[in-house]
């Protein structure tokens, strides 16, 4: 069985490495991007099973990633976004654009792994 692919867009390199380590231990293949622009390229190339994106990133932000996946690519791929403020304007906009779920920073990577598993099972 091939590993489920996750595109992870996170500009905090240390946090991205931590998430990658935890999620790879859970059996996922992680494709990392440090900004939304690179994330979009990875999504188009690899058609991941799930997308994880920070909202605040340089160049192309998480809202633009979510919008691109839903509007341009017309994909129903589950999307979880990270935000320091899960009820702020950007977070509300992310949900309107079609994000499935959110994680408020800082969070435990194992909680994210649980949330991913739940989303993929539904």
PDB file of N, CA and C in Angstrom:
ATOM      1  N   UNK A   1       0.841  -1.181   0.000  1.00  0.00           N
ATOM      2  CA  UNK A   1       0.000   0.000   0.000  1.00  0.00           C
ATOM      3  C   UNK A   1       0.888   1.247   0.000  1.00  0.00           C
ATOM      4  N   UNK A   2       0.592   2.175  -0.879  1.00  0.00           N
ATOM      5  CA  UNK A   2       1.420   3.382  -0.915  1.00  0.00           C
ATOM      6  C   UNK A   2       1.017   4.327   0.212  1.00  0.00           C
ATOM      7  N   UNK A   3       1.982   5.121   0.653  1.00  0.00           N
ATOM      8  CA  UNK A   3       1.733   6.061   1.744  1.00  0.00           C
ATOM      9  C   UNK A   3       0.823   7.188   1.271  1.00  0.00           C
ATOM     10  N   UNK A   4      -0.019   7.667   2.160  1.00  0.00           N
ATOM     11  CA  UNK A   4      -0.837   8.824   1.853  1.00  0.00           C
ATOM     12  C   UNK A   4       0.065  10.056   1.815  1.00  0.00           C
ATOM     13  N   UNK A   5      -0.172  10.907   0.815  1.00  0.00           N
ATOM     14  CA  UNK A   5       0.673  12.087   0.618  1.00  0.00           C
ATOM     15  C   UNK A   5       0.048  13.322   1.246  1.00  0.00           C
ATOM     16  N   UNK A   6       0.883  14.077   1.941  1.00  0.00           N
ATOM     17  CA  UNK A   6       0.456  15.334   2.556  1.00  0.00           C
ATOM     18  C   UNK A   6       1.368  16.448   2.070  1.00  0.00           C
ATOM     19  N   UNK A   7       0.772  17.530   1.564  1.00  0.00           N
ATOM     20  CA  UNK A   7       1.543  18.736   1.284  1.00  0.00           C
ATOM     21  C   UNK A   7       1.457  19.604   2.532  1.00  0.00           C
ATOM     22  N   UNK A   8       2.616  19.979   3.054  1.00  0.00           N
ATOM     23  CA  UNK A   8       2.731  20.799   4.252  1.00  0.00           C
ATOM     24  C   UNK A   8       3.344  22.139   3.882  1.00  0.00           C
ATOM     25  N   UNK A   9       2.561  23.208   4.028  1.00  0.00           N
ATOM     26  CA  UNK A   9       3.053  24.559   3.752  1.00  0.00           C
ATOM     27  C   UNK A   9       3.213  25.294   5.073  1.00  0.00           C
ATOM     28  N   UNK A  10       4.454  25.492   5.475  1.00  0.00           N
ATOM     29  CA  UNK A  10       4.754  26.125   6.765  1.00  0.00           C
ATOM     30  C   UNK A  10       6.084  26.850   6.639  1.00  0.00           C
ATOM     31  N   UNK A  11       6.091  28.169   6.899  1.00  0.00           N
ATOM     32  CA  UNK A  11       7.320  28.949   6.732  1.00  0.00           C
ATOM     33  C   UNK A  11       8.244  28.889   7.948  1.00  0.00           C
ATOM     34  N   UNK A  12       7.770  28.393   9.080  1.00  0.00           N
ATOM     35  CA  UNK A  12       8.635  28.197  10.246  1.00  0.00           C
ATOM     36  C   UNK A  12       9.332  26.843  10.067  1.00  0.00           C
ATOM     37  N   UNK A  13      10.588  26.884   9.642  1.00  0.00           N
ATOM     38  CA  UNK A  13      11.310  25.672   9.271  1.00  0.00           C
ATOM     39  C   UNK A  13      11.399  24.678  10.424  1.00  0.00           C
ATOM     40  N   UNK A  14      11.665  25.149  11.629  1.00  0.00           N
ATOM     41  CA  UNK A  14      11.777  24.261  12.794  1.00  0.00           C
ATOM     42  C   UNK A  14      10.455  23.546  13.055  1.00  0.00           C
ATOM     43  N   UNK A  15       9.362  24.312  13.024  1.00  0.00           N
ATOM     44  CA  UNK A  15       8.037  23.724  13.249  1.00  0.00           C
ATOM     45  C   UNK A  15       7.675  22.751  12.126  1.00  0.00           C
ATOM     46  N   UNK A  16       8.017  23.108  10.888  1.00  0.00           N
ATOM     47  CA  UNK A  16       7.750  22.234   9.745  1.00  0.00           C
ATOM     48  C   UNK A  16       8.493  20.905   9.894  1.00  0.00           C
ATOM     49  N   UNK A  17       9.754  20.969  10.349  1.00  0.00           N
ATOM     50  CA  UNK A  17      10.532  19.741  10.541  1.00  0.00           C
ATOM     51  C   UNK A  17       9.925  18.863  11.632  1.00  0.00           C
ATOM     52  N   UNK A  18       9.453  19.488  12.699  1.00  0.00           N
ATOM     53  CA  UNK A  18       8.799  18.745  13.778  1.00  0.00           C
ATOM     54  C   UNK A  18       7.540  18.041  13.255  1.00  0.00           C
ATOM     55  N   UNK A  19       6.709  18.775  12.531  1.00  0.00           N
ATOM     56  CA  UNK A  19       5.492  18.179  11.976  1.00  0.00           C
ATOM     57  C   UNK A  19       5.827  17.051  11.009  1.00  0.00           C
ATOM     58  N   UNK A  20       6.822  17.281  10.153  1.00  0.00           N
ATOM     59  CA  UNK A  20       7.239  16.261   9.185  1.00  0.00           C
ATOM     60  C   UNK A  20       7.687  14.987   9.912  1.00  0.00           C
ATOM     61  N   UNK A  21       8.491  15.152  10.947  1.00  0.00           N
ATOM     62  CA  UNK A  21       8.992  14.016  11.717  1.00  0.00           C
ATOM     63  C   UNK A  21       7.830  13.212  12.319  1.00  0.00           C
ATOM     64  N   UNK A  22       6.911  13.907  12.987  1.00  0.00           N
ATOM     65  CA  UNK A  22       5.777  13.238  13.645  1.00  0.00           C
ATOM     66  C   UNK A  22       4.881  12.548  12.608  1.00  0.00           C
ATOM     67  N   UNK A  23       4.566  13.243  11.525  1.00  0.00           N
ATOM     68  CA  UNK A  23       3.646  12.683  10.530  1.00  0.00           C
ATOM     69  C   UNK A  23       4.275  11.538   9.735  1.00  0.00           C
ATOM     70  N   UNK A  24       5.568  11.613   9.501  1.00  0.00           N
ATOM     71  CA  UNK A  24       6.242  10.487   8.830  1.00  0.00           C
ATOM     72  C   UNK A  24       6.239   9.254   9.731  1.00  0.00           C
ATOM     73  N   UNK A  25       6.394   9.462  11.044  1.00  0.00           N
ATOM     74  CA  UNK A  25       6.319   8.334  11.986  1.00  0.00           C
ATOM     75  C   UNK A  25       4.924   7.706  11.961  1.00  0.00           C
ATOM     76  N   UNK A  26       3.913   8.520  11.638  1.00  0.00           N
ATOM     77  CA  UNK A  26       2.532   8.024  11.537  1.00  0.00           C
ATOM     78  C   UNK A  26       2.286   7.326  10.191  1.00  0.00           C
ATOM     79  N   UNK A  27       3.287   7.350   9.309  1.00  0.00           N
ATOM     80  CA  UNK A  27       3.190   6.623   8.046  1.00  0.00           C
ATOM     81  C   UNK A  27       2.823   7.458   6.828  1.00  0.00           C
ATOM     82  N   UNK A  28       2.838   8.771   6.957  1.00  0.00           N
ATOM     83  CA  UNK A  28       2.515   9.639   5.822  1.00  0.00           C
ATOM     84  C   UNK A  28       3.776  10.050   5.068  1.00  0.00           C
ATOM     85  N   UNK A  29       3.601  10.311   3.768  1.00  0.00           N
ATOM     86  CA  UNK A  29       4.669  10.902   2.971  1.00  0.00           C
ATOM     87  C   UNK A  29       4.456  12.410   2.988  1.00  0.00           C
ATOM     88  N   UNK A  30       5.464  13.169   3.437  1.00  0.00           N
ATOM     89  CA  UNK A  30       5.324  14.612   3.586  1.00  0.00           C
ATOM     90  C   UNK A  30       6.098  15.343   2.489  1.00  0.00           C
ATOM     91  N   UNK A  31       5.397  16.233   1.792  1.00  0.00           N
ATOM     92  CA  UNK A  31       6.007  17.101   0.787  1.00  0.00           C
ATOM     93  C   UNK A  31       5.955  18.509   1.367  1.00  0.00           C
ATOM     94  N   UNK A  32       7.112  19.069   1.700  1.00  0.00           N
ATOM     95  CA  UNK A  32       7.165  20.341   2.422  1.00  0.00           C
ATOM     96  C   UNK A  32       7.398  21.528   1.499  1.00  0.00           C
ATOM     97  N   UNK A  33       6.762  22.641   1.863  1.00  0.00           N
ATOM     98  CA  UNK A  33       6.952  23.912   1.163  1.00  0.00           C
ATOM     99  C   UNK A  33       7.090  25.004   2.211  1.00  0.00           C
ATOM    100  N   UNK A  34       8.001  25.969   1.970  1.00  0.00           N
ATOM    101  CA  UNK A  34       8.196  27.055   2.929  1.00  0.00           C
ATOM    102  C   UNK A  34       7.307  28.256   2.627  1.00  0.00           C
ATOM    103  N   UNK A  35       6.573  28.202   1.514  1.00  0.00           N
ATOM    104  CA  UNK A  35       5.617  29.265   1.201  1.00  0.00           C
ATOM    105  C   UNK A  35       4.500  28.702   0.321  1.00  0.00           C
ATOM    106  N   UNK A  36       3.459  29.490   0.176  1.00  0.00           N
ATOM    107  CA  UNK A  36       2.288  29.037  -0.575  1.00  0.00           C
ATOM    108  C   UNK A  36       2.556  28.787  -2.042  1.00  0.00           C
ATOM    109  N   UNK A  37       3.474  29.556  -2.614  1.00  0.00           N
ATOM    110  CA  UNK A  37       3.808  29.390  -4.029  1.00  0.00           C
ATOM    111  C   UNK A  37       4.350  27.981  -4.282  1.00  0.00           C
ATOM    112  N   UNK A  38       5.302  27.552  -3.450  1.00  0.00           N
ATOM    113  CA  UNK A  38       5.870  26.208  -3.589  1.00  0.00           C
ATOM    114  C   UNK A  38       4.817  25.143  -3.274  1.00  0.00           C
ATOM    115  N   UNK A  39       3.935  25.436  -2.313  1.00  0.00           N
ATOM    116  CA  UNK A  39       2.874  24.491  -1.959  1.00  0.00           C
ATOM    117  C   UNK A  39       1.956  24.235  -3.153  1.00  0.00           C
ATOM    118  N   UNK A  40       1.587  25.296  -3.858  1.00  0.00           N
ATOM    119  CA  UNK A  40       0.708  25.146  -5.019  1.00  0.00           C
ATOM    120  C   UNK A  40       1.356  24.260  -6.085  1.00  0.00           C
ATOM    121  N   UNK A  41       2.651  24.459  -6.321  1.00  0.00           N
ATOM    122  CA  UNK A  41       3.375  23.628  -7.289  1.00  0.00           C
ATOM    123  C   UNK A  41       3.321  22.158  -6.852  1.00  0.00           C
ATOM    124  N   UNK A  42       3.583  21.898  -5.563  1.00  0.00           N
ATOM    125  CA  UNK A  42       3.553  20.525  -5.042  1.00  0.00           C
ATOM    126  C   UNK A  42       2.156  19.914  -5.166  1.00  0.00           C
ATOM    127  N   UNK A  43       1.128  20.703  -4.883  1.00  0.00           N
ATOM    128  CA  UNK A  43      -0.259  20.214  -4.962  1.00  0.00           C
ATOM    129  C   UNK A  43      -0.599  19.844  -6.405  1.00  0.00           C
ATOM    130  N   UNK A  44      -0.220  20.707  -7.335  1.00  0.00           N
ATOM    131  CA  UNK A  44      -0.503  20.432  -8.748  1.00  0.00           C
ATOM    132  C   UNK A  44       0.246  19.201  -9.246  1.00  0.00           C
ATOM    133  N   UNK A  45       1.508  19.036  -8.811  1.00  0.00           N
ATOM    134  CA  UNK A  45       2.334  17.916  -9.261  1.00  0.00           C
ATOM    135  C   UNK A  45       1.928  16.585  -8.636  1.00  0.00           C
ATOM    136  N   UNK A  46       1.603  16.597  -7.347  1.00  0.00           N
ATOM    137  CA  UNK A  46       1.458  15.338  -6.599  1.00  0.00           C
ATOM    138  C   UNK A  46       0.034  14.968  -6.214  1.00  0.00           C
ATOM    139  N   UNK A  47      -0.927  15.877  -6.389  1.00  0.00           N
ATOM    140  CA  UNK A  47      -2.329  15.612  -6.007  1.00  0.00           C
ATOM    141  C   UNK A  47      -2.389  14.903  -4.644  1.00  0.00           C
ATOM    142  N   UNK A  48      -2.012  15.608  -3.564  1.00  0.00           N
ATOM    143  CA  UNK A  48      -1.922  14.973  -2.244  1.00  0.00           C
ATOM    144  C   UNK A  48      -3.289  14.539  -1.707  1.00  0.00           C
ATOM    145  N   UNK A  49      -3.249  13.683  -0.687  1.00  0.00           N
ATOM    146  CA  UNK A  49      -4.470  13.219  -0.029  1.00  0.00           C
ATOM    147  C   UNK A  49      -4.998  14.260   0.941  1.00  0.00           C
ATOM    148  N   UNK A  50      -4.116  15.136   1.407  1.00  0.00           N
ATOM    149  CA  UNK A  50      -4.503  16.200   2.334  1.00  0.00           C
ATOM    150  C   UNK A  50      -3.509  17.355   2.212  1.00  0.00           C
ATOM    151  N   UNK A  51      -3.982  18.567   2.490  1.00  0.00           N
ATOM    152  CA  UNK A  51      -3.135  19.762   2.459  1.00  0.00           C
ATOM    153  C   UNK A  51      -3.155  20.401   3.843  1.00  0.00           C
ATOM    154  N   UNK A  52      -1.958  20.708   4.356  1.00  0.00           N
ATOM    155  CA  UNK A  52      -1.807  21.425   5.624  1.00  0.00           C
ATOM    156  C   UNK A  52      -1.135  22.748   5.294  1.00  0.00           C
ATOM    157  N   UNK A  53      -1.744  23.848   5.693  1.00  0.00           N
ATOM    158  CA  UNK A  53      -1.143  25.136   5.369  1.00  0.00           C
ATOM    159  C   UNK A  53      -1.233  26.131   6.511  1.00  0.00           C
ATOM    160  N   UNK A  54      -0.138  26.822   6.718  1.00  0.00           N
ATOM    161  CA  UNK A  54      -0.145  27.965   7.627  1.00  0.00           C
ATOM    162  C   UNK A  54      -0.855  29.082   6.877  1.00  0.00           C
ATOM    163  N   UNK A  55      -1.538  29.979   7.578  1.00  0.00           N
ATOM    164  CA  UNK A  55      -2.190  31.095   6.898  1.00  0.00           C
ATOM    165  C   UNK A  55      -1.212  32.220   6.607  1.00  0.00           C
ATOM    166  N   UNK A  56      -0.325  32.520   7.557  1.00  0.00           N
ATOM    167  CA  UNK A  56       0.632  33.618   7.387  1.00  0.00           C
ATOM    168  C   UNK A  56       1.952  33.109   6.843  1.00  0.00           C
ATOM    169  N   UNK A  57       2.144  33.303   5.525  1.00  0.00           N
ATOM    170  CA  UNK A  57       3.400  32.909   4.878  1.00  0.00           C
ATOM    171  C   UNK A  57       3.795  33.983   3.878  1.00  0.00           C
ATOM    172  N   UNK A  58       5.093  34.042   3.546  1.00  0.00           N
ATOM    173  CA  UNK A  58       5.533  35.022   2.553  1.00  0.00           C
ATOM    174  C   UNK A  58       5.083  34.643   1.135  1.00  0.00           C
ATOM    175  N   UNK A  59       5.098  35.599   0.237  1.00  0.00           N
ATOM    176  CA  UNK A  59       4.792  35.444  -1.192  1.00  0.00           C
ATOM    177  C   UNK A  59       3.325  35.102  -1.424  1.00  0.00           C
ATOM    178  N   UNK A  60       2.966  33.859  -1.199  1.00  0.00           N
ATOM    179  CA  UNK A  60       1.583  33.403  -1.361  1.00  0.00           C
ATOM    180  C   UNK A  60       1.140  32.862  -0.009  1.00  0.00           C
ATOM    181  N   UNK A  61       0.060  33.408   0.558  1.00  0.00           N
ATOM    182  CA  UNK A  61      -0.352  32.967   1.894  1.00  0.00           C
ATOM    183  C   UNK A  61      -1.303  31.768   1.834  1.00  0.00           C
ATOM    184  N   UNK A  62      -1.668  31.285   3.013  1.00  0.00           N
ATOM    185  CA  UNK A  62      -2.530  30.104   3.099  1.00  0.00           C
ATOM    186  C   UNK A  62      -3.897  30.306   2.469  1.00  0.00           C
ATOM    187  N   UNK A  63      -4.444  31.510   2.561  1.00  0.00           N
ATOM    188  CA  UNK A  63      -5.743  31.782   1.937  1.00  0.00           C
ATOM    189  C   UNK A  63      -5.660  31.592   0.425  1.00  0.00           C
ATOM    190  N   UNK A  64      -4.575  32.045  -0.156  1.00  0.00           N
ATOM    191  CA  UNK A  64      -4.388  31.893  -1.599  1.00  0.00           C
ATOM    192  C   UNK A  64      -4.212  30.422  -1.979  1.00  0.00           C
ATOM    193  N   UNK A  65      -3.557  29.656  -1.117  1.00  0.00           N
ATOM    194  CA  UNK A  65      -3.408  28.212  -1.362  1.00  0.00           C
ATOM    195  C   UNK A  65      -4.784  27.552  -1.356  1.00  0.00           C
ATOM    196  N   UNK A  66      -5.587  27.838  -0.322  1.00  0.00           N
ATOM    197  CA  UNK A  66      -6.925  27.246  -0.204  1.00  0.00           C
ATOM    198  C   UNK A  66      -7.778  27.629  -1.418  1.00  0.00           C
ATOM    199  N   UNK A  67      -7.759  28.895  -1.760  1.00  0.00           N
ATOM    200  CA  UNK A  67      -8.520  29.391  -2.901  1.00  0.00           C
ATOM    201  C   UNK A  67      -8.095  28.690  -4.195  1.00  0.00           C
ATOM    202  N   UNK A  68      -6.800  28.531  -4.398  1.00  0.00           N
ATOM    203  CA  UNK A  68      -6.287  27.881  -5.607  1.00  0.00           C
ATOM    204  C   UNK A  68      -6.762  26.426  -5.694  1.00  0.00           C
ATOM    205  N   UNK A  69      -6.683  25.721  -4.568  1.00  0.00           N
ATOM    206  CA  UNK A  69      -7.102  24.309  -4.548  1.00  0.00           C
ATOM    207  C   UNK A  69      -8.595  24.183  -4.876  1.00  0.00           C
ATOM    208  N   UNK A  70      -9.411  25.050  -4.266  1.00  0.00           N
ATOM    209  CA  UNK A  70     -10.863  24.956  -4.450  1.00  0.00           C
ATOM    210  C   UNK A  70     -11.354  25.568  -5.770  1.00  0.00           C
ATOM    211  N   UNK A  71     -10.851  26.759  -6.104  1.00  0.00           N
ATOM    212  CA  UNK A  71     -11.376  27.494  -7.264  1.00  0.00           C
ATOM    213  C   UNK A  71     -10.701  27.106  -8.581  1.00  0.00           C
ATOM    214  N   UNK A  72      -9.378  27.059  -8.594  1.00  0.00           N
ATOM    215  CA  UNK A  72      -8.654  26.799  -9.845  1.00  0.00           C
ATOM    216  C   UNK A  72      -8.532  25.313 -10.155  1.00  0.00           C
ATOM    217  N   UNK A  73      -8.146  24.537  -9.144  1.00  0.00           N
ATOM    218  CA  UNK A  73      -7.936  23.105  -9.359  1.00  0.00           C
ATOM    219  C   UNK A  73      -9.216  22.293  -9.176  1.00  0.00           C
ATOM    220  N   UNK A  74     -10.222  22.887  -8.539  1.00  0.00           N
ATOM    221  CA  UNK A  74     -11.514  22.218  -8.280  1.00  0.00           C
ATOM    222  C   UNK A  74     -11.337  20.888  -7.546  1.00  0.00           C
ATOM    223  N   UNK A  75     -10.406  20.867  -6.583  1.00  0.00           N
ATOM    224  CA  UNK A  75     -10.150  19.645  -5.815  1.00  0.00           C
ATOM    225  C   UNK A  75     -10.913  19.678  -4.493  1.00  0.00           C
ATOM    226  N   UNK A  76     -11.391  18.519  -4.059  1.00  0.00           N
ATOM    227  CA  UNK A  76     -12.055  18.383  -2.759  1.00  0.00           C
ATOM    228  C   UNK A  76     -11.096  17.870  -1.693  1.00  0.00           C
ATOM    229  N   UNK A  77      -9.806  17.942  -1.970  1.00  0.00           N
ATOM    230  CA  UNK A  77      -8.775  17.496  -1.035  1.00  0.00           C
ATOM    231  C   UNK A  77      -8.996  18.157   0.325  1.00  0.00           C
ATOM    232  N   UNK A  78      -9.012  17.374   1.409  1.00  0.00           N
ATOM    233  CA  UNK A  78      -9.152  17.989   2.732  1.00  0.00           C
ATOM    234  C   UNK A  78      -8.020  18.978   3.008  1.00  0.00           C
ATOM    235  N   UNK A  79      -8.371  20.115   3.600  1.00  0.00           N
ATOM    236  CA  UNK A  79      -7.394  21.153   3.928  1.00  0.00           C
ATOM    237  C   UNK A  79      -7.542  21.520   5.404  1.00  0.00           C
ATOM    238  N   UNK A  80      -6.412  21.475   6.120  1.00  0.00           N
ATOM    239  CA  UNK A  80      -6.354  21.942   7.505  1.00  0.00           C
ATOM    240  C   UNK A  80      -5.407  23.136   7.505  1.00  0.00           C
ATOM    241  N   UNK A  81      -5.850  24.247   8.082  1.00  0.00           N
ATOM    242  CA  UNK A  81      -4.961  25.403   8.164  1.00  0.00           C
ATOM    243  C   UNK A  81      -4.534  25.654   9.600  1.00  0.00           C
ATOM    244  N   UNK A  82      -3.359  26.291   9.731  1.00  0.00           N
ATOM    245  CA  UNK A  82      -2.814  26.658  11.031  1.00  0.00           C
ATOM    246  C   UNK A  82      -2.901  28.162  11.169  1.00  0.00           C
ATOM    247  N   UNK A  83      -3.272  28.609  12.367  1.00  0.00           N
ATOM    248  CA  UNK A  83      -3.345  30.038  12.618  1.00  0.00           C
ATOM    249  C   UNK A  83      -3.127  30.297  14.100  1.00  0.00           C
ATOM    250  N   UNK A  84      -2.488  31.406  14.407  1.00  0.00           N
ATOM    251  CA  UNK A  84      -2.324  31.794  15.805  1.00  0.00           C
ATOM    252  C   UNK A  84      -3.658  32.297  16.363  1.00  0.00           C
ATOM    253  N   UNK A  85      -4.584  32.604  15.465  1.00  0.00           N
ATOM    254  CA  UNK A  85      -5.892  33.136  15.859  1.00  0.00           C
ATOM    255  C   UNK A  85      -6.978  32.412  15.065  1.00  0.00           C
ATOM    256  N   UNK A  86      -7.525  31.333  15.636  1.00  0.00           N
ATOM    257  CA  UNK A  86      -8.468  30.491  14.884  1.00  0.00           C
ATOM    258  C   UNK A  86      -9.845  31.123  14.703  1.00  0.00           C
ATOM    259  N   UNK A  87     -10.086  32.281  15.332  1.00  0.00           N
ATOM    260  CA  UNK A  87     -11.372  32.940  15.113  1.00  0.00           C
ATOM    261  C   UNK A  87     -11.197  34.334  14.498  1.00  0.00           C
ATOM    262  N   UNK A  88      -9.981  34.643  14.068  1.00  0.00           N
ATOM    263  CA  UNK A  88      -9.719  35.932  13.442  1.00  0.00           C
ATOM    264  C   UNK A  88     -10.260  35.993  12.021  1.00  0.00           C
ATOM    265  N   UNK A  89     -10.099  37.155  11.403  1.00  0.00           N
ATOM    266  CA  UNK A  89     -10.628  37.364  10.056  1.00  0.00           C
ATOM    267  C   UNK A  89     -10.058  36.396   9.033  1.00  0.00           C
ATOM    268  N   UNK A  90      -8.728  36.166   9.086  1.00  0.00           N
ATOM    269  CA  UNK A  90      -8.124  35.238   8.112  1.00  0.00           C
ATOM    270  C   UNK A  90      -8.667  33.824   8.287  1.00  0.00           C
ATOM    271  N   UNK A  91      -8.860  33.412   9.527  1.00  0.00           N
ATOM    272  CA  UNK A  91      -9.381  32.070   9.792  1.00  0.00           C
ATOM    273  C   UNK A  91     -10.811  31.929   9.284  1.00  0.00           C
ATOM    274  N   UNK A  92     -11.620  32.958   9.501  1.00  0.00           N
ATOM    275  CA  UNK A  92     -13.001  32.923   9.000  1.00  0.00           C
ATOM    276  C   UNK A  92     -13.016  32.885   7.478  1.00  0.00           C
ATOM    277  N   UNK A  93     -12.137  33.648   6.870  1.00  0.00           N
ATOM    278  CA  UNK A  93     -12.023  33.660   5.410  1.00  0.00           C
ATOM    279  C   UNK A  93     -11.586  32.289   4.892  1.00  0.00           C
ATOM    280  N   UNK A  94     -10.647  31.644   5.593  1.00  0.00           N
ATOM    281  CA  UNK A  94     -10.170  30.311   5.199  1.00  0.00           C
ATOM    282  C   UNK A  94     -11.323  29.318   5.174  1.00  0.00           C
ATOM    283  N   UNK A  95     -12.192  29.398   6.184  1.00  0.00           N
ATOM    284  CA  UNK A  95     -13.344  28.491   6.238  1.00  0.00           C
ATOM    285  C   UNK A  95     -14.310  28.778   5.099  1.00  0.00           C
ATOM    286  N   UNK A  96     -14.521  30.069   4.800  1.00  0.00           N
ATOM    287  CA  UNK A  96     -15.400  30.448   3.679  1.00  0.00           C
ATOM    288  C   UNK A  96     -14.865  29.928   2.356  1.00  0.00           C
ATOM    289  N   UNK A  97     -13.544  29.936   2.217  1.00  0.00           N
ATOM    290  CA  UNK A  97     -12.918  29.482   0.975  1.00  0.00           C
ATOM    291  C   UNK A  97     -12.971  27.959   0.811  1.00  0.00           C
ATOM    292  N   UNK A  98     -13.279  27.257   1.900  1.00  0.00           N
ATOM    293  CA  UNK A  98     -13.438  25.810   1.782  1.00  0.00           C
ATOM    294  C   UNK A  98     -12.480  24.960   2.581  1.00  0.00           C
ATOM    295  N   UNK A  99     -11.752  25.557   3.527  1.00  0.00           N
ATOM    296  CA  UNK A  99     -10.896  24.742   4.398  1.00  0.00           C
ATOM    297  C   UNK A  99     -11.788  23.851   5.257  1.00  0.00           C
ATOM    298  N   UNK A 100     -11.329  22.633   5.522  1.00  0.00           N
ATOM    299  CA  UNK A 100     -12.125  21.680   6.292  1.00  0.00           C
ATOM    300  C   UNK A 100     -11.992  21.843   7.793  1.00  0.00           C
ATOM    301  N   UNK A 101     -10.794  22.247   8.242  1.00  0.00           N
ATOM    302  CA  UNK A 101     -10.554  22.295   9.679  1.00  0.00           C
ATOM    303  C   UNK A 101      -9.383  23.221   9.964  1.00  0.00           C
ATOM    304  N   UNK A 102      -9.163  23.474  11.268  1.00  0.00           N
ATOM    305  CA  UNK A 102      -8.075  24.370  11.657  1.00  0.00           C
ATOM    306  C   UNK A 102      -7.395  23.856  12.916  1.00  0.00           C
ATOM    307  N   UNK A 103      -6.184  24.331  13.119  1.00  0.00           N
ATOM    308  CA  UNK A 103      -5.417  24.066  14.331  1.00  0.00           C
ATOM    309  C   UNK A 103      -4.896  25.413  14.801  1.00  0.00           C
ATOM    310  N   UNK A 104      -5.135  25.729  16.066  1.00  0.00           N
ATOM    311  CA  UNK A 104      -4.638  26.988  16.599  1.00  0.00           C
ATOM    312  C   UNK A 104      -3.223  26.801  17.120  1.00  0.00           C
ATOM    313  N   UNK A 105      -2.309  27.646  16.653  1.00  0.00           N
ATOM    314  CA  UNK A 105      -0.907  27.578  17.092  1.00  0.00           C
ATOM    315  C   UNK A 105      -0.780  28.206  18.473  1.00  0.00           C
ATOM    316  N   UNK A 106       0.072  27.684  19.322  1.00  0.00           N
ATOM    317  CA  UNK A 106       0.845  26.456  19.120  1.00  0.00           C
ATOM    318  C   UNK A 106      -0.026  25.230  19.400  1.00  0.00           C
ATOM    319  N   UNK A 107       0.283  24.116  18.756  1.00  0.00           N
ATOM    320  CA  UNK A 107      -0.476  22.893  18.998  1.00  0.00           C
ATOM    321  C   UNK A 107       0.454  21.688  19.061  1.00  0.00           C
ATOM    322  N   UNK A 108      -0.064  20.615  19.623  1.00  0.00           N
ATOM    323  CA  UNK A 108       0.674  19.364  19.728  1.00  0.00           C
ATOM    324  C   UNK A 108       0.587  18.638  18.380  1.00  0.00           C
ATOM    325  N   UNK A 109       1.727  18.300  17.771  1.00  0.00           N
ATOM    326  CA  UNK A 109       1.700  17.603  16.485  1.00  0.00           C
ATOM    327  C   UNK A 109       0.885  16.305  16.501  1.00  0.00           C
ATOM    328  N   UNK A 110       0.807  15.639  17.657  1.00  0.00           N
ATOM    329  CA  UNK A 110       0.006  14.410  17.727  1.00  0.00           C
ATOM    330  C   UNK A 110      -1.488  14.718  17.592  1.00  0.00           C
ATOM    331  N   UNK A 111      -1.912  15.895  18.076  1.00  0.00           N
ATOM    332  CA  UNK A 111      -3.311  16.300  17.883  1.00  0.00           C
ATOM    333  C   UNK A 111      -3.606  16.502  16.400  1.00  0.00           C
ATOM    334  N   UNK A 112      -2.624  17.037  15.682  1.00  0.00           N
ATOM    335  CA  UNK A 112      -2.773  17.197  14.235  1.00  0.00           C
ATOM    336  C   UNK A 112      -2.885  15.833  13.560  1.00  0.00           C
ATOM    337  N   UNK A 113      -2.041  14.887  13.960  1.00  0.00           N
ATOM    338  CA  UNK A 113      -2.080  13.539  13.382  1.00  0.00           C
ATOM    339  C   UNK A 113      -3.455  12.903  13.580  1.00  0.00           C
ATOM    340  N   UNK A 114      -4.038  13.093  14.760  1.00  0.00           N
ATOM    341  CA  UNK A 114      -5.382  12.572  15.053  1.00  0.00           C
ATOM    342  C   UNK A 114      -6.421  13.236  14.145  1.00  0.00           C
ATOM    343  N   UNK A 115      -6.323  14.540  13.994  1.00  0.00           N
ATOM    344  CA  UNK A 115      -7.269  15.288  13.163  1.00  0.00           C
ATOM    345  C   UNK A 115      -7.175  14.846  11.700  1.00  0.00           C
ATOM    346  N   UNK A 116      -5.945  14.611  11.217  1.00  0.00           N
ATOM    347  CA  UNK A 116      -5.748  14.134   9.845  1.00  0.00           C
ATOM    348  C   UNK A 116      -6.419  12.787   9.646  1.00  0.00           C
ATOM    349  N   UNK A 117      -6.209  11.888  10.598  1.00  0.00           N
ATOM    350  CA  UNK A 117      -6.787  10.548  10.500  1.00  0.00           C
ATOM    351  C   UNK A 117      -8.317  10.637  10.466  1.00  0.00           C
ATOM    352  N   UNK A 118      -8.900  11.481  11.321  1.00  0.00           N
ATOM    353  CA  UNK A 118     -10.350  11.642  11.338  1.00  0.00           C
ATOM    354  C   UNK A 118     -10.873  12.184  10.011  1.00  0.00           C
ATOM    355  N   UNK A 119     -10.187  13.172   9.458  1.00  0.00           N
ATOM    356  CA  UNK A 119     -10.613  13.768   8.185  1.00  0.00           C
ATOM    357  C   UNK A 119     -10.542  12.752   7.048  1.00  0.00           C
ATOM    358  N   UNK A 120      -9.479  11.965   7.024  1.00  0.00           N
ATOM    359  CA  UNK A 120      -9.308  10.985   5.952  1.00  0.00           C
ATOM    360  C   UNK A 120     -10.289   9.833   6.052  1.00  0.00           C
ATOM    361  N   UNK A 121     -10.753   9.534   7.281  1.00  0.00           N
ATOM    362  CA  UNK A 121     -11.717   8.445   7.460  1.00  0.00           C
ATOM    363  C   UNK A 121     -13.113   8.848   7.036  1.00  0.00           C
ATOM    364  N   UNK A 122     -13.424  10.152   7.080  1.00  0.00           N
ATOM    365  CA  UNK A 122     -14.786  10.607   6.744  1.00  0.00           C
ATOM    366  C   UNK A 122     -15.000  10.787   5.265  1.00  0.00           C
TER     367      UNK A 122
END
